[in-house]
Amino acid sequence: MSDRIVVGYTATDAGADAVALGARLAAAMDVSLDLVLVLPAEDRSVITPPDAGYDRYLVTQAEAWLAEAAATIPDAVTHASHVRFGDSFAEGLIAAAHEFSASHIVVGAANGGLRGRHRLGTVANELLHSSDVPVVLAPEGSRRLEPSTGITRITAAIGTRPGADVLLEESVALAVATGAGLRLLSLAAVDMPPSLEAMEFGARHADDVFVHVRAALPKDIDTDAVVGLGDSVEDAVSHLSWEPGELAVVGSSRLARRRRLFLGSTAAKMLHELPVPMVVVPRTRGKKGAR
């Protein structure tokens, strides 16, 4: 994995949530953090001509906001702050992630979400339909967690559709990089009518994935497998136990373009009930070192 993580920052509670989660993730992975605040591109309007004085004011204000955010990051985490211009906030973050060869982009939930839950705003929505870099969504209230919470467990939501191998690769890499345990969550039986057959099918799928992953894991990584059961994805997720320091990893929809994200229906349903950060990974990857 890369040795850098990009955080999309705004001077809001959602921005503070993203910084807090980014710092915990960077500390656990022993990588550096890049706080990025994106301003509208200089050619943002054909109606209002650029005003150099106003642009300087915006940059100065953005740098002040970034300095305040940086002050909340633990001293042990190496970090830098950047002001960027872009046609959109999401585009600017993706460009920054490419510039720094970042492994992840971290953003917060939209304002107004329930504490501990996700509510996607414009930036997150755009990232989840265009990024070729894994996106980490910080639920509301992430800023209130103690930095010492760290990253304790990675839960990979494994289905039966194409793209599962890339999802497993990302989940294993996160577990190794953070030293967290790995939990394999099979949702294969959720769409089936509740029955003993559905439970057995889900258990077999979880066991098959567990055996496949276990062979590739270092011996010091704790691994477990569980089956999500319920009348719906939301129901299954709500009945599972979740740790404060946990990350849930999901794959992009099969409708996604090559090496791009597209939030699928299963991941979107999980977001409604998920009390922990979600990592969304592209279905395919380019050659090593390329996006």
C-alpha atoms as a PDB file:
ATOM      1  CA  MET A   1       0.000   0.000   0.000  1.00  0.00           C
ATOM      2  CA  SER A   2       0.976   3.631  -0.455  1.00  0.00           C
ATOM      3  CA  ASP A   3       2.524   5.517   2.446  1.00  0.00           C
ATOM      4  CA  ARG A   4       0.046   8.412   2.208  1.00  0.00           C
ATOM      5  CA  ILE A   5      -3.657   9.034   2.846  1.00  0.00           C
ATOM      6  CA  VAL A   6      -5.634  12.023   1.545  1.00  0.00           C
ATOM      7  CA  VAL A   7      -8.331  13.624   3.705  1.00  0.00           C
ATOM      8  CA  GLY A   8     -10.909  15.837   2.049  1.00  0.00           C
ATOM      9  CA  TYR A   9     -11.299  18.702   4.518  1.00  0.00           C
ATOM     10  CA  THR A  10     -14.004  21.313   4.973  1.00  0.00           C
ATOM     11  CA  ALA A  11     -14.380  23.575   8.022  1.00  0.00           C
ATOM     12  CA  THR A  12     -17.403  21.621   9.250  1.00  0.00           C
ATOM     13  CA  ASP A  13     -18.133  18.793  11.677  1.00  0.00           C
ATOM     14  CA  ALA A  14     -17.967  16.410   8.713  1.00  0.00           C
ATOM     15  CA  GLY A  15     -14.482  17.699   7.938  1.00  0.00           C
ATOM     16  CA  ALA A  16     -13.437  17.178  11.568  1.00  0.00           C
ATOM     17  CA  ASP A  17     -14.807  13.612  11.400  1.00  0.00           C
ATOM     18  CA  ALA A  18     -12.733  12.938   8.278  1.00  0.00           C
ATOM     19  CA  VAL A  19      -9.550  14.311   9.878  1.00  0.00           C
ATOM     20  CA  ALA A  20     -10.056  12.261  13.044  1.00  0.00           C
ATOM     21  CA  LEU A  21     -10.634   9.036  11.117  1.00  0.00           C
ATOM     22  CA  GLY A  22      -7.790   9.778   8.730  1.00  0.00           C
ATOM     23  CA  ALA A  23      -5.434  10.321  11.665  1.00  0.00           C
ATOM     24  CA  ARG A  24      -6.455   7.033  13.315  1.00  0.00           C
ATOM     25  CA  LEU A  25      -5.996   5.178  10.034  1.00  0.00           C
ATOM     26  CA  ALA A  26      -2.642   6.843   9.306  1.00  0.00           C
ATOM     27  CA  ALA A  27      -1.380   6.049  12.814  1.00  0.00           C
ATOM     28  CA  ALA A  28      -2.428   2.410  12.530  1.00  0.00           C
ATOM     29  CA  MET A  29      -0.821   2.047   9.082  1.00  0.00           C
ATOM     30  CA  ASP A  30       2.236   4.170   9.997  1.00  0.00           C
ATOM     31  CA  VAL A  31       1.750   6.429   6.965  1.00  0.00           C
ATOM     32  CA  SER A  32       1.506  10.193   6.486  1.00  0.00           C
ATOM     33  CA  LEU A  33      -1.650  12.260   6.162  1.00  0.00           C
ATOM     34  CA  ASP A  34      -2.384  14.923   3.549  1.00  0.00           C
ATOM     35  CA  LEU A  35      -5.197  17.344   4.401  1.00  0.00           C
ATOM     36  CA  VAL A  36      -6.634  18.764   1.194  1.00  0.00           C
ATOM     37  CA  LEU A  37      -9.087  21.649   0.935  1.00  0.00           C
ATOM     38  CA  VAL A  38     -10.374  22.213  -2.594  1.00  0.00           C
ATOM     39  CA  LEU A  39     -11.438  25.668  -3.779  1.00  0.00           C
ATOM     40  CA  PRO A  40     -13.355  26.407  -6.996  1.00  0.00           C
ATOM     41  CA  ALA A  41     -11.113  26.488 -10.064  1.00  0.00           C
ATOM     42  CA  GLU A  42      -9.834  29.897 -11.157  1.00  0.00           C
ATOM     43  CA  ASP A  43     -11.910  29.723 -14.334  1.00  0.00           C
ATOM     44  CA  ARG A  44     -14.965  28.858 -12.253  1.00  0.00           C
ATOM     45  CA  SER A  45     -17.276  31.431 -13.839  1.00  0.00           C
ATOM     46  CA  VAL A  46     -17.650  33.055 -17.231  1.00  0.00           C
ATOM     47  CA  ILE A  47     -20.038  35.612 -15.715  1.00  0.00           C
ATOM     48  CA  THR A  48     -17.887  36.849 -12.829  1.00  0.00           C
ATOM     49  CA  PRO A  49     -14.269  37.534 -13.846  1.00  0.00           C
ATOM     50  CA  PRO A  50     -11.529  36.265 -11.496  1.00  0.00           C
ATOM     51  CA  ASP A  51     -10.646  38.659  -8.668  1.00  0.00           C
ATOM     52  CA  ALA A  52      -7.016  38.200  -7.588  1.00  0.00           C
ATOM     53  CA  GLY A  53      -7.626  39.883  -4.247  1.00  0.00           C
ATOM     54  CA  TYR A  54     -10.619  37.712  -3.446  1.00  0.00           C
ATOM     55  CA  ASP A  55      -8.743  34.583  -4.497  1.00  0.00           C
ATOM     56  CA  ARG A  56      -5.894  35.489  -2.130  1.00  0.00           C
ATOM     57  CA  TYR A  57      -8.439  35.959   0.651  1.00  0.00           C
ATOM     58  CA  LEU A  58      -9.938  32.521  -0.062  1.00  0.00           C
ATOM     59  CA  VAL A  59      -6.542  30.847  -0.006  1.00  0.00           C
ATOM     60  CA  THR A  60      -5.577  32.609   3.232  1.00  0.00           C
ATOM     61  CA  GLN A  61      -8.859  31.573   4.857  1.00  0.00           C
ATOM     62  CA  ALA A  62      -8.453  27.985   3.604  1.00  0.00           C
ATOM     63  CA  GLU A  63      -4.923  27.820   5.010  1.00  0.00           C
ATOM     64  CA  ALA A  64      -6.201  29.062   8.375  1.00  0.00           C
ATOM     65  CA  TRP A  65      -8.900  26.372   8.433  1.00  0.00           C
ATOM     66  CA  LEU A  66      -6.341  23.720   7.533  1.00  0.00           C
ATOM     67  CA  ALA A  67      -4.024  24.910  10.309  1.00  0.00           C
ATOM     68  CA  GLU A  68      -6.859  24.534  12.832  1.00  0.00           C
ATOM     69  CA  ALA A  69      -7.558  21.010  11.575  1.00  0.00           C
ATOM     70  CA  ALA A  70      -3.876  20.057  11.619  1.00  0.00           C
ATOM     71  CA  ALA A  71      -3.669  21.122  15.263  1.00  0.00           C
ATOM     72  CA  THR A  72      -6.048  18.295  16.173  1.00  0.00           C
ATOM     73  CA  ILE A  73      -3.838  15.585  14.659  1.00  0.00           C
ATOM     74  CA  PRO A  74      -1.670  13.635  17.148  1.00  0.00           C
ATOM     75  CA  ASP A  75       2.013  14.584  17.023  1.00  0.00           C
ATOM     76  CA  ALA A  76       2.983  11.038  16.115  1.00  0.00           C
ATOM     77  CA  VAL A  77       1.186  11.298  12.752  1.00  0.00           C
ATOM     78  CA  THR A  78       3.207  12.977  10.010  1.00  0.00           C
ATOM     79  CA  HIS A  79       0.964  15.353   8.088  1.00  0.00           C
ATOM     80  CA  ALA A  80       0.864  18.182   5.571  1.00  0.00           C
ATOM     81  CA  SER A  81      -1.833  20.588   4.401  1.00  0.00           C
ATOM     82  CA  HIS A  82      -2.663  21.626   0.857  1.00  0.00           C
ATOM     83  CA  VAL A  83      -5.007  24.066  -0.850  1.00  0.00           C
ATOM     84  CA  ARG A  84      -6.024  22.917  -4.311  1.00  0.00           C
ATOM     85  CA  PHE A  85      -8.302  24.264  -7.034  1.00  0.00           C
ATOM     86  CA  GLY A  86     -10.716  22.078  -8.961  1.00  0.00           C
ATOM     87  CA  ASP A  87     -13.887  22.106 -11.022  1.00  0.00           C
ATOM     88  CA  SER A  88     -15.416  20.153  -8.136  1.00  0.00           C
ATOM     89  CA  PHE A  89     -14.317  19.167  -4.637  1.00  0.00           C
ATOM     90  CA  ALA A  90     -14.318  15.477  -5.586  1.00  0.00           C
ATOM     91  CA  GLU A  91     -12.277  16.095  -8.732  1.00  0.00           C
ATOM     92  CA  GLY A  92      -9.730  18.040  -6.712  1.00  0.00           C
ATOM     93  CA  LEU A  93      -9.439  15.218  -4.156  1.00  0.00           C
ATOM     94  CA  ILE A  94      -8.952  12.570  -6.835  1.00  0.00           C
ATOM     95  CA  ALA A  95      -6.267  14.712  -8.501  1.00  0.00           C
ATOM     96  CA  ALA A  96      -4.520  15.141  -5.136  1.00  0.00           C
ATOM     97  CA  ALA A  97      -4.698  11.395  -4.465  1.00  0.00           C
ATOM     98  CA  HIS A  98      -3.015  10.785  -7.830  1.00  0.00           C
ATOM     99  CA  GLU A  99      -0.410  13.482  -7.146  1.00  0.00           C
ATOM    100  CA  PHE A 100       0.536  11.923  -3.811  1.00  0.00           C
ATOM    101  CA  SER A 101      -0.008   8.294  -4.921  1.00  0.00           C
ATOM    102  CA  ALA A 102      -2.365   7.961  -1.948  1.00  0.00           C
ATOM    103  CA  SER A 103      -3.873   4.621  -1.004  1.00  0.00           C
ATOM    104  CA  HIS A 104      -7.182   6.096   0.229  1.00  0.00           C
ATOM    105  CA  ILE A 105      -9.349   9.216   0.205  1.00  0.00           C
ATOM    106  CA  VAL A 106     -11.164   9.927   3.489  1.00  0.00           C
ATOM    107  CA  VAL A 107     -14.291  12.113   3.625  1.00  0.00           C
ATOM    108  CA  GLY A 108     -16.955  12.804   6.245  1.00  0.00           C
ATOM    109  CA  ALA A 109     -20.717  12.341   6.226  1.00  0.00           C
ATOM    110  CA  ALA A 110     -23.012  15.188   5.244  1.00  0.00           C
ATOM    111  CA  ASN A 111     -24.155  17.499   8.001  1.00  0.00           C
ATOM    112  CA  GLY A 112     -27.436  16.487   9.606  1.00  0.00           C
ATOM    113  CA  GLY A 113     -26.747  12.772   9.801  1.00  0.00           C
ATOM    114  CA  LEU A 114     -27.537  10.733  12.893  1.00  0.00           C
ATOM    115  CA  ARG A 115     -24.632  10.274  15.262  1.00  0.00           C
ATOM    116  CA  GLY A 116     -22.626   7.204  14.351  1.00  0.00           C
ATOM    117  CA  ARG A 117     -24.369   6.860  10.979  1.00  0.00           C
ATOM    118  CA  HIS A 118     -23.693   7.828   7.382  1.00  0.00           C
ATOM    119  CA  ARG A 119     -25.484  10.458   5.340  1.00  0.00           C
ATOM    120  CA  LEU A 120     -23.909  10.967   1.950  1.00  0.00           C
ATOM    121  CA  GLY A 121     -23.372  14.512   0.744  1.00  0.00           C
ATOM    122  CA  THR A 122     -22.552  15.794  -2.721  1.00  0.00           C
ATOM    123  CA  VAL A 123     -18.791  15.224  -2.458  1.00  0.00           C
ATOM    124  CA  ALA A 124     -19.095  11.644  -1.156  1.00  0.00           C
ATOM    125  CA  ASN A 125     -21.692  10.818  -3.790  1.00  0.00           C
ATOM    126  CA  GLU A 126     -19.482  12.133  -6.573  1.00  0.00           C
ATOM    127  CA  LEU A 127     -16.442  10.251  -5.243  1.00  0.00           C
ATOM    128  CA  LEU A 128     -18.449   7.041  -4.980  1.00  0.00           C
ATOM    129  CA  HIS A 129     -19.335   7.299  -8.655  1.00  0.00           C
ATOM    130  CA  SER A 130     -16.021   8.397 -10.117  1.00  0.00           C
ATOM    131  CA  SER A 131     -12.959   7.692  -7.953  1.00  0.00           C
ATOM    132  CA  ASP A 132     -10.348   5.135  -8.956  1.00  0.00           C
ATOM    133  CA  VAL A 133      -8.901   5.322  -5.422  1.00  0.00           C
ATOM    134  CA  PRO A 134     -10.597   3.538  -2.484  1.00  0.00           C
ATOM    135  CA  VAL A 135     -12.846   5.943  -0.562  1.00  0.00           C
ATOM    136  CA  VAL A 136     -13.250   5.834   3.224  1.00  0.00           C
ATOM    137  CA  LEU A 137     -16.496   7.280   4.605  1.00  0.00           C
ATOM    138  CA  ALA A 138     -16.356   8.631   8.157  1.00  0.00           C
ATOM    139  CA  PRO A 139     -19.719   8.434   9.965  1.00  0.00           C
ATOM    140  CA  GLU A 140     -20.993  11.398  11.951  1.00  0.00           C
ATOM    141  CA  GLY A 141     -19.326  11.608  15.348  1.00  0.00           C
ATOM    142  CA  SER A 142     -15.976  10.073  14.326  1.00  0.00           C
ATOM    143  CA  ARG A 143     -14.281  13.160  15.760  1.00  0.00           C
ATOM    144  CA  ARG A 144     -15.462  12.181  19.243  1.00  0.00           C
ATOM    145  CA  LEU A 145     -13.601   8.857  19.302  1.00  0.00           C
ATOM    146  CA  GLU A 146     -10.345   8.771  21.216  1.00  0.00           C
ATOM    147  CA  PRO A 147      -7.330   8.558  18.861  1.00  0.00           C
ATOM    148  CA  SER A 148      -6.180   5.582  20.937  1.00  0.00           C
ATOM    149  CA  THR A 149      -9.200   3.638  19.621  1.00  0.00           C
ATOM    150  CA  GLY A 150      -7.092   2.836  16.567  1.00  0.00           C
ATOM    151  CA  ILE A 151      -8.199   0.294  13.972  1.00  0.00           C
ATOM    152  CA  THR A 152      -9.136  -2.964  15.685  1.00  0.00           C
ATOM    153  CA  ARG A 153     -10.916  -5.024  13.043  1.00  0.00           C
ATOM    154  CA  ILE A 154     -11.541  -5.117   9.293  1.00  0.00           C
ATOM    155  CA  THR A 155     -14.864  -6.589   8.170  1.00  0.00           C
ATOM    156  CA  ALA A 156     -15.031  -7.534   4.505  1.00  0.00           C
ATOM    157  CA  ALA A 157     -18.551  -7.877   3.110  1.00  0.00           C
ATOM    158  CA  ILE A 158     -18.074 -10.705   0.625  1.00  0.00           C
ATOM    159  CA  GLY A 159     -20.702 -11.558  -1.958  1.00  0.00           C
ATOM    160  CA  THR A 160     -20.739 -13.993  -4.856  1.00  0.00           C
ATOM    161  CA  ARG A 161     -20.451 -11.510  -7.722  1.00  0.00           C
ATOM    162  CA  PRO A 162     -17.332 -10.608  -9.764  1.00  0.00           C
ATOM    163  CA  GLY A 163     -14.889  -8.302  -7.993  1.00  0.00           C
ATOM    164  CA  ALA A 164     -14.663 -10.311  -4.769  1.00  0.00           C
ATOM    165  CA  ASP A 165     -10.955 -11.018  -5.298  1.00  0.00           C
ATOM    166  CA  VAL A 166     -10.064  -7.301  -5.370  1.00  0.00           C
ATOM    167  CA  LEU A 167     -12.189  -6.718  -2.270  1.00  0.00           C
ATOM    168  CA  LEU A 168     -10.411  -9.531  -0.455  1.00  0.00           C
ATOM    169  CA  GLU A 169      -7.030  -8.187  -1.543  1.00  0.00           C
ATOM    170  CA  GLU A 170      -7.846  -4.730  -0.146  1.00  0.00           C
ATOM    171  CA  SER A 171      -9.237  -6.163   3.112  1.00  0.00           C
ATOM    172  CA  VAL A 172      -6.227  -8.398   3.701  1.00  0.00           C
ATOM    173  CA  ALA A 173      -3.861  -5.517   2.905  1.00  0.00           C
ATOM    174  CA  LEU A 174      -5.662  -3.280   5.416  1.00  0.00           C
ATOM    175  CA  ALA A 175      -5.558  -5.979   8.083  1.00  0.00           C
ATOM    176  CA  VAL A 176      -1.836  -6.511   7.543  1.00  0.00           C
ATOM    177  CA  ALA A 177      -1.060  -2.764   7.405  1.00  0.00           C
ATOM    178  CA  THR A 178      -3.016  -1.922  10.569  1.00  0.00           C
ATOM    179  CA  GLY A 179      -2.410  -5.119  12.534  1.00  0.00           C
ATOM    180  CA  ALA A 180      -6.175  -5.456  12.933  1.00  0.00           C
ATOM    181  CA  GLY A 181      -8.171  -8.650  12.952  1.00  0.00           C
ATOM    182  CA  LEU A 182     -10.073  -9.672   9.829  1.00  0.00           C
ATOM    183  CA  ARG A 183     -13.735 -10.662   9.798  1.00  0.00           C
ATOM    184  CA  LEU A 184     -15.268 -12.092   6.634  1.00  0.00           C
ATOM    185  CA  LEU A 185     -18.961 -11.283   6.361  1.00  0.00           C
ATOM    186  CA  SER A 186     -21.010 -13.369   3.959  1.00  0.00           C
ATOM    187  CA  LEU A 187     -24.202 -11.699   2.780  1.00  0.00           C
ATOM    188  CA  ALA A 188     -24.829 -14.430   0.212  1.00  0.00           C
ATOM    189  CA  ALA A 189     -27.961 -15.678   1.983  1.00  0.00           C
ATOM    190  CA  VAL A 190     -29.664 -12.330   2.645  1.00  0.00           C
ATOM    191  CA  ASP A 191     -31.581 -12.232  -0.642  1.00  0.00           C
ATOM    192  CA  MET A 192     -32.793 -15.804  -0.231  1.00  0.00           C
ATOM    193  CA  PRO A 193     -36.089 -16.696   1.495  1.00  0.00           C
ATOM    194  CA  PRO A 194     -35.386 -17.371   5.211  1.00  0.00           C
ATOM    195  CA  SER A 195     -34.819 -21.081   5.577  1.00  0.00           C
ATOM    196  CA  LEU A 196     -32.387 -23.694   6.787  1.00  0.00           C
ATOM    197  CA  GLU A 197     -31.177 -23.986   3.188  1.00  0.00           C
ATOM    198  CA  ALA A 198     -30.349 -20.260   3.107  1.00  0.00           C
ATOM    199  CA  MET A 199     -28.399 -20.516   6.359  1.00  0.00           C
ATOM    200  CA  GLU A 200     -26.462 -23.527   5.067  1.00  0.00           C
ATOM    201  CA  PHE A 201     -25.714 -21.771   1.777  1.00  0.00           C
ATOM    202  CA  GLY A 202     -24.411 -18.690   3.606  1.00  0.00           C
ATOM    203  CA  ALA A 203     -22.319 -20.833   5.950  1.00  0.00           C
ATOM    204  CA  ARG A 204     -20.761 -22.743   3.031  1.00  0.00           C
ATOM    205  CA  HIS A 205     -19.949 -19.500   1.242  1.00  0.00           C
ATOM    206  CA  ALA A 206     -18.361 -18.028   4.373  1.00  0.00           C
ATOM    207  CA  ASP A 207     -16.316 -21.191   4.942  1.00  0.00           C
ATOM    208  CA  ASP A 208     -15.099 -21.239   1.326  1.00  0.00           C
ATOM    209  CA  VAL A 209     -13.963 -17.610   1.534  1.00  0.00           C
ATOM    210  CA  PHE A 210     -12.399 -18.185   4.947  1.00  0.00           C
ATOM    211  CA  VAL A 211     -10.282 -21.087   3.674  1.00  0.00           C
ATOM    212  CA  HIS A 212      -9.245 -19.099   0.584  1.00  0.00           C
ATOM    213  CA  VAL A 213      -8.157 -16.052   2.603  1.00  0.00           C
ATOM    214  CA  ARG A 214      -6.611 -17.915   5.531  1.00  0.00           C
ATOM    215  CA  ALA A 215      -3.990 -19.468   3.247  1.00  0.00           C
ATOM    216  CA  ALA A 216      -2.776 -16.003   2.190  1.00  0.00           C
ATOM    217  CA  LEU A 217      -2.740 -14.385   5.637  1.00  0.00           C
ATOM    218  CA  PRO A 218       0.211 -14.026   7.994  1.00  0.00           C
ATOM    219  CA  LYS A 219      -0.193 -16.303  10.986  1.00  0.00           C
ATOM    220  CA  ASP A 220      -0.448 -13.401  13.443  1.00  0.00           C
ATOM    221  CA  ILE A 221      -3.624 -11.977  11.846  1.00  0.00           C
ATOM    222  CA  ASP A 222      -6.768 -13.144  13.640  1.00  0.00           C
ATOM    223  CA  THR A 223      -9.433 -14.196  11.142  1.00  0.00           C
ATOM    224  CA  ASP A 224     -13.088 -15.048  11.596  1.00  0.00           C
ATOM    225  CA  ALA A 225     -16.068 -15.628   9.327  1.00  0.00           C
ATOM    226  CA  VAL A 226     -19.709 -14.783   9.977  1.00  0.00           C
ATOM    227  CA  VAL A 227     -22.946 -15.065   8.030  1.00  0.00           C
ATOM    228  CA  GLY A 228     -25.268 -12.085   7.759  1.00  0.00           C
ATOM    229  CA  LEU A 229     -28.860 -13.244   8.156  1.00  0.00           C
ATOM    230  CA  GLY A 230     -32.026 -11.176   8.006  1.00  0.00           C
ATOM    231  CA  ASP A 231     -34.991 -10.120   5.925  1.00  0.00           C
ATOM    232  CA  SER A 232     -32.824  -7.500   4.228  1.00  0.00           C
ATOM    233  CA  VAL A 233     -29.255  -6.253   4.065  1.00  0.00           C
ATOM    234  CA  GLU A 234     -30.153  -3.515   6.571  1.00  0.00           C
ATOM    235  CA  ASP A 235     -31.645  -6.094   8.930  1.00  0.00           C
ATOM    236  CA  ALA A 236     -28.599  -8.353   8.680  1.00  0.00           C
ATOM    237  CA  VAL A 237     -26.163  -5.489   9.307  1.00  0.00           C
ATOM    238  CA  SER A 238     -28.142  -4.168  12.287  1.00  0.00           C
ATOM    239  CA  HIS A 239     -27.959  -7.548  14.045  1.00  0.00           C
ATOM    240  CA  LEU A 240     -24.179  -7.849  13.799  1.00  0.00           C
ATOM    241  CA  SER A 241     -21.774  -6.661  16.484  1.00  0.00           C
ATOM    242  CA  TRP A 242     -19.482  -3.771  15.546  1.00  0.00           C
ATOM    243  CA  GLU A 243     -16.395  -2.493  17.362  1.00  0.00           C
ATOM    244  CA  PRO A 244     -15.666   1.260  17.709  1.00  0.00           C
ATOM    245  CA  GLY A 245     -12.334   0.760  15.934  1.00  0.00           C
ATOM    246  CA  GLU A 246     -13.748  -1.280  13.071  1.00  0.00           C
ATOM    247  CA  LEU A 247     -13.725  -0.644   9.308  1.00  0.00           C
ATOM    248  CA  ALA A 248     -16.259  -2.236   6.944  1.00  0.00           C
ATOM    249  CA  VAL A 249     -14.929  -2.901   3.446  1.00  0.00           C
ATOM    250  CA  VAL A 250     -17.261  -3.266   0.469  1.00  0.00           C
ATOM    251  CA  GLY A 251     -16.758  -3.607  -3.253  1.00  0.00           C
ATOM    252  CA  SER A 252     -17.949  -1.345  -6.019  1.00  0.00           C
ATOM    253  CA  SER A 253     -21.000  -2.244  -8.086  1.00  0.00           C
ATOM    254  CA  ARG A 254     -20.576  -4.515 -11.100  1.00  0.00           C
ATOM    255  CA  LEU A 255     -21.926  -1.572 -13.115  1.00  0.00           C
ATOM    256  CA  ALA A 256     -18.778   0.447 -12.414  1.00  0.00           C
ATOM    257  CA  ARG A 257     -16.449   1.372 -15.235  1.00  0.00           C
ATOM    258  CA  ARG A 258     -13.039  -0.280 -15.179  1.00  0.00           C
ATOM    259  CA  ARG A 259     -10.969   0.900 -12.192  1.00  0.00           C
ATOM    260  CA  ARG A 260     -13.743   3.250 -11.068  1.00  0.00           C
ATOM    261  CA  LEU A 261     -16.161   3.261  -8.153  1.00  0.00           C
ATOM    262  CA  PHE A 262     -19.912   2.965  -8.400  1.00  0.00           C
ATOM    263  CA  LEU A 263     -21.786   2.461  -5.152  1.00  0.00           C
ATOM    264  CA  GLY A 264     -23.927  -0.648  -5.511  1.00  0.00           C
ATOM    265  CA  SER A 265     -27.297  -1.337  -3.942  1.00  0.00           C
ATOM    266  CA  THR A 266     -25.918  -3.682  -1.273  1.00  0.00           C
ATOM    267  CA  ALA A 267     -23.330  -1.140  -0.077  1.00  0.00           C
ATOM    268  CA  ALA A 268     -25.932   1.643  -0.138  1.00  0.00           C
ATOM    269  CA  LYS A 269     -28.263  -0.447   2.009  1.00  0.00           C
ATOM    270  CA  MET A 270     -25.453  -1.258   4.445  1.00  0.00           C
ATOM    271  CA  LEU A 271     -24.778   2.460   4.903  1.00  0.00           C
ATOM    272  CA  HIS A 272     -28.249   2.960   6.382  1.00  0.00           C
ATOM    273  CA  GLU A 273     -27.391   0.806   9.411  1.00  0.00           C
ATOM    274  CA  LEU A 274     -23.604   0.787   9.536  1.00  0.00           C
ATOM    275  CA  PRO A 275     -22.201   2.439  12.715  1.00  0.00           C
ATOM    276  CA  VAL A 276     -18.560   2.261  11.576  1.00  0.00           C
ATOM    277  CA  PRO A 277     -16.524   3.737   8.704  1.00  0.00           C
ATOM    278  CA  MET A 278     -17.021   2.140   5.281  1.00  0.00           C
ATOM    279  CA  VAL A 279     -14.229   1.604   2.755  1.00  0.00           C
ATOM    280  CA  VAL A 280     -15.433   1.307  -0.846  1.00  0.00           C
ATOM    281  CA  VAL A 281     -12.942  -0.192  -3.310  1.00  0.00           C
ATOM    282  CA  PRO A 282     -12.987  -0.272  -7.126  1.00  0.00           C
ATOM    283  CA  ARG A 283     -13.849  -3.636  -8.676  1.00  0.00           C
ATOM    284  CA  THR A 284     -10.694  -3.791 -10.794  1.00  0.00           C
ATOM    285  CA  ARG A 285      -7.200  -2.433 -10.550  1.00  0.00           C
ATOM    286  CA  GLY A 286      -4.618  -1.386 -13.053  1.00  0.00           C
ATOM    287  CA  LYS A 287      -1.038  -2.592 -13.160  1.00  0.00           C
ATOM    288  CA  LYS A 288       1.051  -2.016 -10.076  1.00  0.00           C
ATOM    289  CA  GLY A 289       1.857   1.630  -9.739  1.00  0.00           C
ATOM    290  CA  ALA A 290      -0.918   2.710 -12.132  1.00  0.00           C
ATOM    291  CA  ARG A 291      -4.441   3.895 -11.625  1.00  0.00           C
END
